[in-house]
């Protein structure tokens, strides 16, 4: 019964070797010269100056929502356009409903000022 699992165990062993051996080699052979500058906290090119639990500006979330809206729109529009002649009226109406929901989200983004850059 265990012979059925032998290929899986061999695969896991090889995967562990491929994942762990380079890390161990890098830690053993690589140079390690820590100093105060290398050990200091670093955030996006400038010194960390506030608590990590600070609130983000709401525009960050609005841009994220905007990205998801347009990403979903493209992800669904391309396959829909490819099979447009095969799906008929039902597919057309379904896509109109989907686009209507996206337009509502787009209007929300527009009213909140997410499209205005400073």
PDB file of N, CA and C in Angstrom:
ATOM      1  N   UNK A   1       0.824  -1.200   0.000  1.00  0.00           N
ATOM      2  CA  UNK A   1       0.000   0.000   0.000  1.00  0.00           C
ATOM      3  C   UNK A   1       0.867   1.264   0.000  1.00  0.00           C
ATOM      4  N   UNK A   2       1.975   1.247   0.714  1.00  0.00           N
ATOM      5  CA  UNK A   2       2.834   2.419   0.760  1.00  0.00           C
ATOM      6  C   UNK A   2       3.560   2.671  -0.553  1.00  0.00           C
ATOM      7  N   UNK A   3       3.641   1.675  -1.424  1.00  0.00           N
ATOM      8  CA  UNK A   3       4.316   1.869  -2.704  1.00  0.00           C
ATOM      9  C   UNK A   3       3.578   2.864  -3.595  1.00  0.00           C
ATOM     10  N   UNK A   4       2.285   3.027  -3.360  1.00  0.00           N
ATOM     11  CA  UNK A   4       1.520   4.016  -4.124  1.00  0.00           C
ATOM     12  C   UNK A   4       1.945   5.438  -3.767  1.00  0.00           C
ATOM     13  N   UNK A   5       2.419   5.628  -2.548  1.00  0.00           N
ATOM     14  CA  UNK A   5       2.809   6.955  -2.085  1.00  0.00           C
ATOM     15  C   UNK A   5       4.290   7.248  -2.298  1.00  0.00           C
ATOM     16  N   UNK A   6       5.057   6.280  -2.765  1.00  0.00           N
ATOM     17  CA  UNK A   6       6.479   6.473  -2.965  1.00  0.00           C
ATOM     18  C   UNK A   6       6.799   7.605  -3.952  1.00  0.00           C
ATOM     19  N   UNK A   7       6.135   7.705  -5.105  1.00  0.00           N
ATOM     20  CA  UNK A   7       6.424   8.843  -5.997  1.00  0.00           C
ATOM     21  C   UNK A   7       6.120  10.197  -5.357  1.00  0.00           C
ATOM     22  N   UNK A   8       5.067  10.257  -4.557  1.00  0.00           N
ATOM     23  CA  UNK A   8       4.722  11.517  -3.888  1.00  0.00           C
ATOM     24  C   UNK A   8       5.791  11.863  -2.862  1.00  0.00           C
ATOM     25  N   UNK A   9       6.258  10.886  -2.114  1.00  0.00           N
ATOM     26  CA  UNK A   9       7.296  11.130  -1.121  1.00  0.00           C
ATOM     27  C   UNK A   9       8.612  11.550  -1.781  1.00  0.00           C
ATOM     28  N   UNK A  10       8.933  10.930  -2.896  1.00  0.00           N
ATOM     29  CA  UNK A  10      10.146  11.322  -3.631  1.00  0.00           C
ATOM     30  C   UNK A  10      10.009  12.762  -4.131  1.00  0.00           C
ATOM     31  N   UNK A  11       8.849  13.097  -4.660  1.00  0.00           N
ATOM     32  CA  UNK A  11       8.602  14.468  -5.125  1.00  0.00           C
ATOM     33  C   UNK A  11       8.729  15.470  -3.980  1.00  0.00           C
ATOM     34  N   UNK A  12       8.145  15.156  -2.821  1.00  0.00           N
ATOM     35  CA  UNK A  12       8.235  16.062  -1.679  1.00  0.00           C
ATOM     36  C   UNK A  12       9.676  16.207  -1.202  1.00  0.00           C
ATOM     37  N   UNK A  13      10.429  15.136  -1.214  1.00  0.00           N
ATOM     38  CA  UNK A  13      11.834  15.188  -0.807  1.00  0.00           C
ATOM     39  C   UNK A  13      12.641  16.076  -1.749  1.00  0.00           C
ATOM     40  N   UNK A  14      12.429  15.912  -3.055  1.00  0.00           N
ATOM     41  CA  UNK A  14      13.146  16.733  -4.038  1.00  0.00           C
ATOM     42  C   UNK A  14      12.719  18.199  -3.916  1.00  0.00           C
ATOM     43  N   UNK A  15      11.439  18.443  -3.704  1.00  0.00           N
ATOM     44  CA  UNK A  15      10.952  19.815  -3.546  1.00  0.00           C
ATOM     45  C   UNK A  15      11.557  20.458  -2.303  1.00  0.00           C
ATOM     46  N   UNK A  16      11.671  19.694  -1.237  1.00  0.00           N
ATOM     47  CA  UNK A  16      12.290  20.213  -0.016  1.00  0.00           C
ATOM     48  C   UNK A  16      13.760  20.534  -0.256  1.00  0.00           C
ATOM     49  N   UNK A  17      14.447  19.655  -0.979  1.00  0.00           N
ATOM     50  CA  UNK A  17      15.860  19.908  -1.296  1.00  0.00           C
ATOM     51  C   UNK A  17      16.017  21.166  -2.143  1.00  0.00           C
ATOM     52  N   UNK A  18      15.192  21.304  -3.174  1.00  0.00           N
ATOM     53  CA  UNK A  18      15.285  22.457  -4.067  1.00  0.00           C
ATOM     54  C   UNK A  18      14.938  23.752  -3.331  1.00  0.00           C
ATOM     55  N   UNK A  19      14.051  23.675  -2.366  1.00  0.00           N
ATOM     56  CA  UNK A  19      13.659  24.873  -1.636  1.00  0.00           C
ATOM     57  C   UNK A  19      14.588  25.248  -0.498  1.00  0.00           C
ATOM     58  N   UNK A  20      15.129  24.261   0.197  1.00  0.00           N
ATOM     59  CA  UNK A  20      15.896  24.544   1.408  1.00  0.00           C
ATOM     60  C   UNK A  20      17.401  24.653   1.143  1.00  0.00           C
ATOM     61  N   UNK A  21      17.940  23.816   0.273  1.00  0.00           N
ATOM     62  CA  UNK A  21      19.385  23.798   0.044  1.00  0.00           C
ATOM     63  C   UNK A  21      19.912  25.147  -0.448  1.00  0.00           C
ATOM     64  N   UNK A  22      19.286  25.812  -1.423  1.00  0.00           N
ATOM     65  CA  UNK A  22      19.806  27.133  -1.818  1.00  0.00           C
ATOM     66  C   UNK A  22      19.763  28.160  -0.685  1.00  0.00           C
ATOM     67  N   UNK A  23      18.749  28.090   0.165  1.00  0.00           N
ATOM     68  CA  UNK A  23      18.694  29.019   1.296  1.00  0.00           C
ATOM     69  C   UNK A  23      19.845  28.775   2.267  1.00  0.00           C
ATOM     70  N   UNK A  24      20.092  27.521   2.560  1.00  0.00           N
ATOM     71  CA  UNK A  24      21.182  27.192   3.474  1.00  0.00           C
ATOM     72  C   UNK A  24      22.541  27.547   2.869  1.00  0.00           C
ATOM     73  N   UNK A  25      22.718  27.292   1.579  1.00  0.00           N
ATOM     74  CA  UNK A  25      23.972  27.651   0.916  1.00  0.00           C
ATOM     75  C   UNK A  25      24.186  29.166   0.915  1.00  0.00           C
ATOM     76  N   UNK A  26      23.128  29.902   0.651  1.00  0.00           N
ATOM     77  CA  UNK A  26      23.239  31.362   0.657  1.00  0.00           C
ATOM     78  C   UNK A  26      23.577  31.900   2.033  1.00  0.00           C
ATOM     79  N   UNK A  27      22.970  31.327   3.068  1.00  0.00           N
ATOM     80  CA  UNK A  27      23.252  31.786   4.430  1.00  0.00           C
ATOM     81  C   UNK A  27      24.664  31.401   4.854  1.00  0.00           C
ATOM     82  N   UNK A  28      25.149  30.233   4.412  1.00  0.00           N
ATOM     83  CA  UNK A  28      26.470  29.770   4.824  1.00  0.00           C
ATOM     84  C   UNK A  28      27.592  30.443   4.036  1.00  0.00           C
ATOM     85  N   UNK A  29      27.406  30.653   2.750  1.00  0.00           N
ATOM     86  CA  UNK A  29      28.475  31.156   1.897  1.00  0.00           C
ATOM     87  C   UNK A  29      28.415  32.657   1.644  1.00  0.00           C
ATOM     88  N   UNK A  30      27.256  33.271   1.850  1.00  0.00           N
ATOM     89  CA  UNK A  30      27.105  34.689   1.556  1.00  0.00           C
ATOM     90  C   UNK A  30      27.743  35.574   2.597  1.00  0.00           C
ATOM     91  N   UNK A  31      28.155  36.780   2.193  1.00  0.00           N
ATOM     92  CA  UNK A  31      28.758  37.705   3.157  1.00  0.00           C
ATOM     93  C   UNK A  31      27.706  38.240   4.127  1.00  0.00           C
ATOM     94  N   UNK A  32      28.118  38.429   5.344  1.00  0.00           N
ATOM     95  CA  UNK A  32      27.216  38.963   6.359  1.00  0.00           C
ATOM     96  C   UNK A  32      27.955  40.022   7.161  1.00  0.00           C
ATOM     97  N   UNK A  33      27.702  41.276   6.827  1.00  0.00           N
ATOM     98  CA  UNK A  33      28.343  42.392   7.518  1.00  0.00           C
ATOM     99  C   UNK A  33      27.272  43.381   7.969  1.00  0.00           C
ATOM    100  N   UNK A  34      26.509  43.015   8.999  1.00  0.00           N
ATOM    101  CA  UNK A  34      25.440  43.921   9.442  1.00  0.00           C
ATOM    102  C   UNK A  34      26.002  45.168  10.120  1.00  0.00           C
ATOM    103  N   UNK A  35      25.352  46.284   9.894  1.00  0.00           N
ATOM    104  CA  UNK A  35      25.671  47.515  10.603  1.00  0.00           C
ATOM    105  C   UNK A  35      24.360  48.213  10.949  1.00  0.00           C
ATOM    106  N   UNK A  36      24.445  49.326  11.611  1.00  0.00           N
ATOM    107  CA  UNK A  36      23.221  49.992  12.074  1.00  0.00           C
ATOM    108  C   UNK A  36      22.359  50.461  10.906  1.00  0.00           C
ATOM    109  N   UNK A  37      22.976  50.837   9.794  1.00  0.00           N
ATOM    110  CA  UNK A  37      22.212  51.306   8.640  1.00  0.00           C
ATOM    111  C   UNK A  37      21.427  50.170   7.993  1.00  0.00           C
ATOM    112  N   UNK A  38      22.053  48.989   7.889  1.00  0.00           N
ATOM    113  CA  UNK A  38      21.379  47.849   7.278  1.00  0.00           C
ATOM    114  C   UNK A  38      20.274  47.291   8.163  1.00  0.00           C
ATOM    115  N   UNK A  39      20.407  47.412   9.472  1.00  0.00           N
ATOM    116  CA  UNK A  39      19.430  46.863  10.393  1.00  0.00           C
ATOM    117  C   UNK A  39      18.307  47.834  10.718  1.00  0.00           C
ATOM    118  N   UNK A  40      18.357  49.056  10.202  1.00  0.00           N
ATOM    119  CA  UNK A  40      17.324  50.048  10.487  1.00  0.00           C
ATOM    120  C   UNK A  40      16.073  49.752   9.663  1.00  0.00           C
ATOM    121  N   UNK A  41      14.884  50.131  10.163  1.00  0.00           N
ATOM    122  CA  UNK A  41      13.656  49.915   9.390  1.00  0.00           C
ATOM    123  C   UNK A  41      13.643  50.766   8.125  1.00  0.00           C
ATOM    124  N   UNK A  42      13.106  50.217   7.069  1.00  0.00           N
ATOM    125  CA  UNK A  42      13.105  50.882   5.767  1.00  0.00           C
ATOM    126  C   UNK A  42      11.718  50.740   5.158  1.00  0.00           C
ATOM    127  N   UNK A  43      11.122  51.861   4.761  1.00  0.00           N
ATOM    128  CA  UNK A  43       9.797  51.828   4.152  1.00  0.00           C
ATOM    129  C   UNK A  43       9.780  52.714   2.919  1.00  0.00           C
ATOM    130  N   UNK A  44       9.671  52.117   1.784  1.00  0.00           N
ATOM    131  CA  UNK A  44       9.436  52.822   0.529  1.00  0.00           C
ATOM    132  C   UNK A  44      10.430  53.941   0.268  1.00  0.00           C
ATOM    133  N   UNK A  45      11.659  53.797   0.655  1.00  0.00           N
ATOM    134  CA  UNK A  45      12.664  54.783   0.337  1.00  0.00           C
ATOM    135  C   UNK A  45      12.828  55.897   1.337  1.00  0.00           C
ATOM    136  N   UNK A  46      12.051  55.898   2.427  1.00  0.00           N
ATOM    137  CA  UNK A  46      12.235  56.930   3.437  1.00  0.00           C
ATOM    138  C   UNK A  46      12.115  56.314   4.822  1.00  0.00           C
ATOM    139  N   UNK A  47      12.548  57.067   5.823  1.00  0.00           N
ATOM    140  CA  UNK A  47      12.523  56.580   7.198  1.00  0.00           C
ATOM    141  C   UNK A  47      11.088  56.318   7.641  1.00  0.00           C
ATOM    142  N   UNK A  48      10.940  55.259   8.416  1.00  0.00           N
ATOM    143  CA  UNK A  48       9.629  55.004   9.022  1.00  0.00           C
ATOM    144  C   UNK A  48       9.392  56.071  10.084  1.00  0.00           C
ATOM    145  N   UNK A  49       8.266  56.767   9.991  1.00  0.00           N
ATOM    146  CA  UNK A  49       8.054  57.892  10.889  1.00  0.00           C
ATOM    147  C   UNK A  49       6.785  57.784  11.718  1.00  0.00           C
ATOM    148  N   UNK A  50       5.915  56.829  11.416  1.00  0.00           N
ATOM    149  CA  UNK A  50       4.684  56.711  12.182  1.00  0.00           C
ATOM    150  C   UNK A  50       4.435  55.271  12.552  1.00  0.00           C
ATOM    151  N   UNK A  51       3.387  55.069  13.308  1.00  0.00           N
ATOM    152  CA  UNK A  51       2.994  53.737  13.728  1.00  0.00           C
ATOM    153  C   UNK A  51       2.489  52.947  12.519  1.00  0.00           C
ATOM    154  N   UNK A  52       2.733  51.664  12.496  1.00  0.00           N
ATOM    155  CA  UNK A  52       2.299  50.827  11.379  1.00  0.00           C
ATOM    156  C   UNK A  52       0.786  50.700  11.326  1.00  0.00           C
ATOM    157  N   UNK A  53       0.103  51.030  12.398  1.00  0.00           N
ATOM    158  CA  UNK A  53      -1.356  50.905  12.441  1.00  0.00           C
ATOM    159  C   UNK A  53      -2.082  52.202  12.087  1.00  0.00           C
ATOM    160  N   UNK A  54      -1.375  53.136  11.450  1.00  0.00           N
ATOM    161  CA  UNK A  54      -2.013  54.396  11.075  1.00  0.00           C
ATOM    162  C   UNK A  54      -3.062  54.157   9.986  1.00  0.00           C
ATOM    163  N   UNK A  55      -4.017  55.037   9.914  1.00  0.00           N
ATOM    164  CA  UNK A  55      -5.085  54.901   8.926  1.00  0.00           C
ATOM    165  C   UNK A  55      -4.596  55.397   7.571  1.00  0.00           C
ATOM    166  N   UNK A  56      -5.008  54.688   6.523  1.00  0.00           N
ATOM    167  CA  UNK A  56      -4.694  55.120   5.169  1.00  0.00           C
ATOM    168  C   UNK A  56      -5.727  56.140   4.715  1.00  0.00           C
ATOM    169  N   UNK A  57      -5.313  56.967   3.812  1.00  0.00           N
ATOM    170  CA  UNK A  57      -6.240  57.896   3.190  1.00  0.00           C
ATOM    171  C   UNK A  57      -7.264  57.098   2.392  1.00  0.00           C
ATOM    172  N   UNK A  58      -8.497  57.546   2.379  1.00  0.00           N
ATOM    173  CA  UNK A  58      -9.565  56.820   1.707  1.00  0.00           C
ATOM    174  C   UNK A  58      -9.316  56.734   0.205  1.00  0.00           C
ATOM    175  N   UNK A  59      -8.513  57.637  -0.343  1.00  0.00           N
ATOM    176  CA  UNK A  59      -8.216  57.587  -1.772  1.00  0.00           C
ATOM    177  C   UNK A  59      -7.451  56.325  -2.152  1.00  0.00           C
ATOM    178  N   UNK A  60      -6.678  55.795  -1.217  1.00  0.00           N
ATOM    179  CA  UNK A  60      -5.978  54.534  -1.483  1.00  0.00           C
ATOM    180  C   UNK A  60      -6.988  53.432  -1.776  1.00  0.00           C
ATOM    181  N   UNK A  61      -8.015  53.347  -0.963  1.00  0.00           N
ATOM    182  CA  UNK A  61      -9.040  52.320  -1.160  1.00  0.00           C
ATOM    183  C   UNK A  61      -9.849  52.577  -2.426  1.00  0.00           C
ATOM    184  N   UNK A  62     -10.095  53.837  -2.730  1.00  0.00           N
ATOM    185  CA  UNK A  62     -10.850  54.156  -3.942  1.00  0.00           C
ATOM    186  C   UNK A  62     -10.077  53.766  -5.191  1.00  0.00           C
ATOM    187  N   UNK A  63      -8.768  53.973  -5.190  1.00  0.00           N
ATOM    188  CA  UNK A  63      -7.959  53.567  -6.335  1.00  0.00           C
ATOM    189  C   UNK A  63      -7.953  52.045  -6.453  1.00  0.00           C
ATOM    190  N   UNK A  64      -7.905  51.357  -5.321  1.00  0.00           N
ATOM    191  CA  UNK A  64      -7.950  49.891  -5.348  1.00  0.00           C
ATOM    192  C   UNK A  64      -9.280  49.400  -5.912  1.00  0.00           C
ATOM    193  N   UNK A  65     -10.376  50.018  -5.502  1.00  0.00           N
ATOM    194  CA  UNK A  65     -11.686  49.645  -6.036  1.00  0.00           C
ATOM    195  C   UNK A  65     -11.749  49.936  -7.527  1.00  0.00           C
ATOM    196  N   UNK A  66     -11.196  51.060  -7.942  1.00  0.00           N
ATOM    197  CA  UNK A  66     -11.186  51.420  -9.354  1.00  0.00           C
ATOM    198  C   UNK A  66     -10.403  50.399 -10.170  1.00  0.00           C
ATOM    199  N   UNK A  67      -9.277  49.960  -9.659  1.00  0.00           N
ATOM    200  CA  UNK A  67      -8.503  48.942 -10.352  1.00  0.00           C
ATOM    201  C   UNK A  67      -9.300  47.654 -10.492  1.00  0.00           C
ATOM    202  N   UNK A  68      -9.955  47.240  -9.437  1.00  0.00           N
ATOM    203  CA  UNK A  68     -10.744  45.998  -9.484  1.00  0.00           C
ATOM    204  C   UNK A  68     -11.893  46.140 -10.480  1.00  0.00           C
ATOM    205  N   UNK A  69     -12.535  47.295 -10.498  1.00  0.00           N
ATOM    206  CA  UNK A  69     -13.635  47.504 -11.446  1.00  0.00           C
ATOM    207  C   UNK A  69     -13.173  47.335 -12.890  1.00  0.00           C
ATOM    208  N   UNK A  70     -12.094  48.012 -13.243  1.00  0.00           N
ATOM    209  CA  UNK A  70     -11.649  47.942 -14.633  1.00  0.00           C
ATOM    210  C   UNK A  70     -10.991  46.608 -14.960  1.00  0.00           C
ATOM    211  N   UNK A  71     -10.360  45.998 -13.991  1.00  0.00           N
ATOM    212  CA  UNK A  71      -9.772  44.683 -14.211  1.00  0.00           C
ATOM    213  C   UNK A  71     -10.862  43.655 -14.475  1.00  0.00           C
ATOM    214  N   UNK A  72     -11.919  43.692 -13.691  1.00  0.00           N
ATOM    215  CA  UNK A  72     -13.041  42.776 -13.919  1.00  0.00           C
ATOM    216  C   UNK A  72     -13.724  43.045 -15.246  1.00  0.00           C
ATOM    217  N   UNK A  73     -13.834  44.295 -15.575  1.00  0.00           N
ATOM    218  CA  UNK A  73     -14.501  44.629 -16.832  1.00  0.00           C
ATOM    219  C   UNK A  73     -13.751  44.036 -18.015  1.00  0.00           C
ATOM    220  N   UNK A  74     -12.451  44.191 -18.043  1.00  0.00           N
ATOM    221  CA  UNK A  74     -11.656  43.642 -19.141  1.00  0.00           C
ATOM    222  C   UNK A  74     -11.664  42.120 -19.109  1.00  0.00           C
ATOM    223  N   UNK A  75     -11.604  41.550 -17.914  1.00  0.00           N
ATOM    224  CA  UNK A  75     -11.576  40.087 -17.790  1.00  0.00           C
ATOM    225  C   UNK A  75     -12.852  39.453 -18.317  1.00  0.00           C
ATOM    226  N   UNK A  76     -13.971  40.155 -18.228  1.00  0.00           N
ATOM    227  CA  UNK A  76     -15.228  39.601 -18.726  1.00  0.00           C
ATOM    228  C   UNK A  76     -15.569  40.053 -20.136  1.00  0.00           C
ATOM    229  N   UNK A  77     -15.126  41.244 -20.523  1.00  0.00           N
ATOM    230  CA  UNK A  77     -15.481  41.753 -21.849  1.00  0.00           C
ATOM    231  C   UNK A  77     -14.770  41.009 -22.981  1.00  0.00           C
ATOM    232  N   UNK A  78     -13.528  40.644 -22.787  1.00  0.00           N
ATOM    233  CA  UNK A  78     -12.798  39.988 -23.868  1.00  0.00           C
ATOM    234  C   UNK A  78     -13.396  38.629 -24.237  1.00  0.00           C
ATOM    235  N   UNK A  79     -13.616  37.713 -23.278  1.00  0.00           N
ATOM    236  CA  UNK A  79     -14.248  36.440 -23.670  1.00  0.00           C
ATOM    237  C   UNK A  79     -15.661  36.638 -24.212  1.00  0.00           C
ATOM    238  N   UNK A  80     -16.378  37.610 -23.680  1.00  0.00           N
ATOM    239  CA  UNK A  80     -17.728  37.876 -24.157  1.00  0.00           C
ATOM    240  C   UNK A  80     -17.688  38.331 -25.619  1.00  0.00           C
ATOM    241  N   UNK A  81     -16.726  39.176 -25.966  1.00  0.00           N
ATOM    242  CA  UNK A  81     -16.611  39.654 -27.340  1.00  0.00           C
ATOM    243  C   UNK A  81     -16.217  38.533 -28.290  1.00  0.00           C
ATOM    244  N   UNK A  82     -15.428  37.576 -27.800  1.00  0.00           N
ATOM    245  CA  UNK A  82     -14.987  36.478 -28.655  1.00  0.00           C
ATOM    246  C   UNK A  82     -16.169  35.586 -29.045  1.00  0.00           C
ATOM    247  N   UNK A  83     -17.088  35.342 -28.113  1.00  0.00           N
ATOM    248  CA  UNK A  83     -18.213  34.436 -28.389  1.00  0.00           C
ATOM    249  C   UNK A  83     -19.531  35.203 -28.550  1.00  0.00           C
ATOM    250  N   UNK A  84     -19.441  36.478 -28.897  1.00  0.00           N
ATOM    251  CA  UNK A  84     -20.650  37.304 -28.984  1.00  0.00           C
ATOM    252  C   UNK A  84     -21.678  36.749 -29.965  1.00  0.00           C
ATOM    253  N   UNK A  85     -21.244  36.236 -31.104  1.00  0.00           N
ATOM    254  CA  UNK A  85     -22.196  35.748 -32.104  1.00  0.00           C
ATOM    255  C   UNK A  85     -22.843  34.424 -31.689  1.00  0.00           C
ATOM    256  N   UNK A  86     -22.325  33.745 -30.664  1.00  0.00           N
ATOM    257  CA  UNK A  86     -22.868  32.453 -30.252  1.00  0.00           C
ATOM    258  C   UNK A  86     -23.799  32.543 -29.045  1.00  0.00           C
ATOM    259  N   UNK A  87     -23.727  33.609 -28.259  1.00  0.00           N
ATOM    260  CA  UNK A  87     -24.490  33.646 -27.007  1.00  0.00           C
ATOM    261  C   UNK A  87     -25.876  34.250 -27.165  1.00  0.00           C
ATOM    262  N   UNK A  88     -26.115  34.993 -28.209  1.00  0.00           N
ATOM    263  CA  UNK A  88     -27.446  35.500 -28.492  1.00  0.00           C
ATOM    264  C   UNK A  88     -27.875  36.641 -27.588  1.00  0.00           C
ATOM    265  N   UNK A  89     -29.188  36.830 -27.538  1.00  0.00           N
ATOM    266  CA  UNK A  89     -29.774  37.956 -26.808  1.00  0.00           C
ATOM    267  C   UNK A  89     -29.596  37.820 -25.298  1.00  0.00           C
ATOM    268  N   UNK A  90     -29.657  36.602 -24.783  1.00  0.00           N
ATOM    269  CA  UNK A  90     -29.519  36.394 -23.333  1.00  0.00           C
ATOM    270  C   UNK A  90     -28.129  36.837 -22.868  1.00  0.00           C
ATOM    271  N   UNK A  91     -27.104  36.475 -23.607  1.00  0.00           N
ATOM    272  CA  UNK A  91     -25.748  36.900 -23.267  1.00  0.00           C
ATOM    273  C   UNK A  91     -25.567  38.396 -23.380  1.00  0.00           C
ATOM    274  N   UNK A  92     -26.212  38.991 -24.369  1.00  0.00           N
ATOM    275  CA  UNK A  92     -26.131  40.436 -24.549  1.00  0.00           C
ATOM    276  C   UNK A  92     -26.771  41.170 -23.377  1.00  0.00           C
ATOM    277  N   UNK A  93     -27.949  40.714 -22.951  1.00  0.00           N
ATOM    278  CA  UNK A  93     -28.644  41.354 -21.828  1.00  0.00           C
ATOM    279  C   UNK A  93     -27.852  41.157 -20.532  1.00  0.00           C
ATOM    280  N   UNK A  94     -27.292  39.961 -20.348  1.00  0.00           N
ATOM    281  CA  UNK A  94     -26.489  39.711 -19.149  1.00  0.00           C
ATOM    282  C   UNK A  94     -25.289  40.649 -19.096  1.00  0.00           C
ATOM    283  N   UNK A  95     -24.640  40.867 -20.223  1.00  0.00           N
ATOM    284  CA  UNK A  95     -23.497  41.776 -20.241  1.00  0.00           C
ATOM    285  C   UNK A  95     -23.934  43.212 -20.026  1.00  0.00           C
ATOM    286  N   UNK A  96     -25.092  43.597 -20.523  1.00  0.00           N
ATOM    287  CA  UNK A  96     -25.597  44.945 -20.261  1.00  0.00           C
ATOM    288  C   UNK A  96     -25.843  45.152 -18.772  1.00  0.00           C
ATOM    289  N   UNK A  97     -26.380  44.153 -18.095  1.00  0.00           N
ATOM    290  CA  UNK A  97     -26.592  44.250 -16.645  1.00  0.00           C
ATOM    291  C   UNK A  97     -25.248  44.375 -15.933  1.00  0.00           C
ATOM    292  N   UNK A  98     -24.293  43.554 -16.334  1.00  0.00           N
ATOM    293  CA  UNK A  98     -22.956  43.607 -15.734  1.00  0.00           C
ATOM    294  C   UNK A  98     -22.315  44.980 -15.944  1.00  0.00           C
ATOM    295  N   UNK A  99     -22.392  45.499 -17.161  1.00  0.00           N
ATOM    296  CA  UNK A  99     -21.825  46.816 -17.435  1.00  0.00           C
ATOM    297  C   UNK A  99     -22.564  47.920 -16.684  1.00  0.00           C
ATOM    298  N   UNK A 100     -23.867  47.758 -16.494  1.00  0.00           N
ATOM    299  CA  UNK A 100     -24.625  48.726 -15.710  1.00  0.00           C
ATOM    300  C   UNK A 100     -24.140  48.790 -14.266  1.00  0.00           C
ATOM    301  N   UNK A 101     -23.867  47.619 -13.681  1.00  0.00           N
ATOM    302  CA  UNK A 101     -23.332  47.591 -12.319  1.00  0.00           C
ATOM    303  C   UNK A 101     -21.956  48.246 -12.272  1.00  0.00           C
ATOM    304  N   UNK A 102     -21.139  47.998 -13.278  1.00  0.00           N
ATOM    305  CA  UNK A 102     -19.819  48.627 -13.323  1.00  0.00           C
ATOM    306  C   UNK A 102     -19.918  50.137 -13.484  1.00  0.00           C
ATOM    307  N   UNK A 103     -20.879  50.600 -14.255  1.00  0.00           N
ATOM    308  CA  UNK A 103     -21.061  52.043 -14.429  1.00  0.00           C
ATOM    309  C   UNK A 103     -21.470  52.682 -13.106  1.00  0.00           C
ATOM    310  N   UNK A 104     -22.293  51.993 -12.323  1.00  0.00           N
ATOM    311  CA  UNK A 104     -22.670  52.518 -10.998  1.00  0.00           C
ATOM    312  C   UNK A 104     -21.420  52.650 -10.123  1.00  0.00           C
ATOM    313  N   UNK A 105     -20.557  51.637 -10.155  1.00  0.00           N
ATOM    314  CA  UNK A 105     -19.305  51.712  -9.399  1.00  0.00           C
ATOM    315  C   UNK A 105     -18.406  52.822  -9.903  1.00  0.00           C
ATOM    316  N   UNK A 106     -18.357  53.006 -11.211  1.00  0.00           N
ATOM    317  CA  UNK A 106     -17.549  54.065 -11.794  1.00  0.00           C
ATOM    318  C   UNK A 106     -18.069  55.447 -11.385  1.00  0.00           C
ATOM    319  N   UNK A 107     -19.378  55.618 -11.380  1.00  0.00           N
ATOM    320  CA  UNK A 107     -19.959  56.902 -10.954  1.00  0.00           C
ATOM    321  C   UNK A 107     -19.646  57.162  -9.487  1.00  0.00           C
ATOM    322  N   UNK A 108     -19.686  56.114  -8.659  1.00  0.00           N
ATOM    323  CA  UNK A 108     -19.327  56.260  -7.246  1.00  0.00           C
ATOM    324  C   UNK A 108     -17.880  56.741  -7.116  1.00  0.00           C
ATOM    325  N   UNK A 109     -16.975  56.127  -7.872  1.00  0.00           N
ATOM    326  CA  UNK A 109     -15.575  56.535  -7.848  1.00  0.00           C
ATOM    327  C   UNK A 109     -15.426  57.991  -8.301  1.00  0.00           C
ATOM    328  N   UNK A 110     -16.145  58.349  -9.331  1.00  0.00           N
ATOM    329  CA  UNK A 110     -16.067  59.696  -9.867  1.00  0.00           C
ATOM    330  C   UNK A 110     -16.540  60.725  -8.840  1.00  0.00           C
ATOM    331  N   UNK A 111     -17.673  60.431  -8.181  1.00  0.00           N
ATOM    332  CA  UNK A 111     -18.221  61.358  -7.190  1.00  0.00           C
ATOM    333  C   UNK A 111     -17.322  61.487  -5.961  1.00  0.00           C
ATOM    334  N   UNK A 112     -16.613  60.414  -5.614  1.00  0.00           N
ATOM    335  CA  UNK A 112     -15.719  60.455  -4.448  1.00  0.00           C
ATOM    336  C   UNK A 112     -14.388  61.133  -4.764  1.00  0.00           C
ATOM    337  N   UNK A 113     -14.125  61.424  -6.037  1.00  0.00           N
ATOM    338  CA  UNK A 113     -12.911  62.140  -6.418  1.00  0.00           C
ATOM    339  C   UNK A 113     -11.702  61.247  -6.628  1.00  0.00           C
ATOM    340  N   UNK A 114     -11.916  59.969  -6.837  1.00  0.00           N
ATOM    341  CA  UNK A 114     -10.779  59.068  -7.032  1.00  0.00           C
ATOM    342  C   UNK A 114     -10.098  59.284  -8.373  1.00  0.00           C
ATOM    343  N   UNK A 115     -10.748  59.936  -9.300  1.00  0.00           N
ATOM    344  CA  UNK A 115     -10.164  60.164 -10.616  1.00  0.00           C
ATOM    345  C   UNK A 115      -9.388  61.471 -10.699  1.00  0.00           C
ATOM    346  N   UNK A 116      -9.397  62.237  -9.624  1.00  0.00           N
ATOM    347  CA  UNK A 116      -8.678  63.507  -9.596  1.00  0.00           C
ATOM    348  C   UNK A 116      -7.332  63.291  -8.890  1.00  0.00           C
ATOM    349  N   UNK A 117      -6.246  63.527  -9.631  1.00  0.00           N
ATOM    350  CA  UNK A 117      -4.910  63.311  -9.069  1.00  0.00           C
ATOM    351  C   UNK A 117      -4.327  64.626  -8.638  1.00  0.00           C
ATOM    352  N   UNK A 118      -3.571  64.591  -7.562  1.00  0.00           N
ATOM    353  CA  UNK A 118      -2.950  65.814  -7.050  1.00  0.00           C
ATOM    354  C   UNK A 118      -1.510  65.884  -7.448  1.00  0.00           C
TER     355      UNK A 118
END
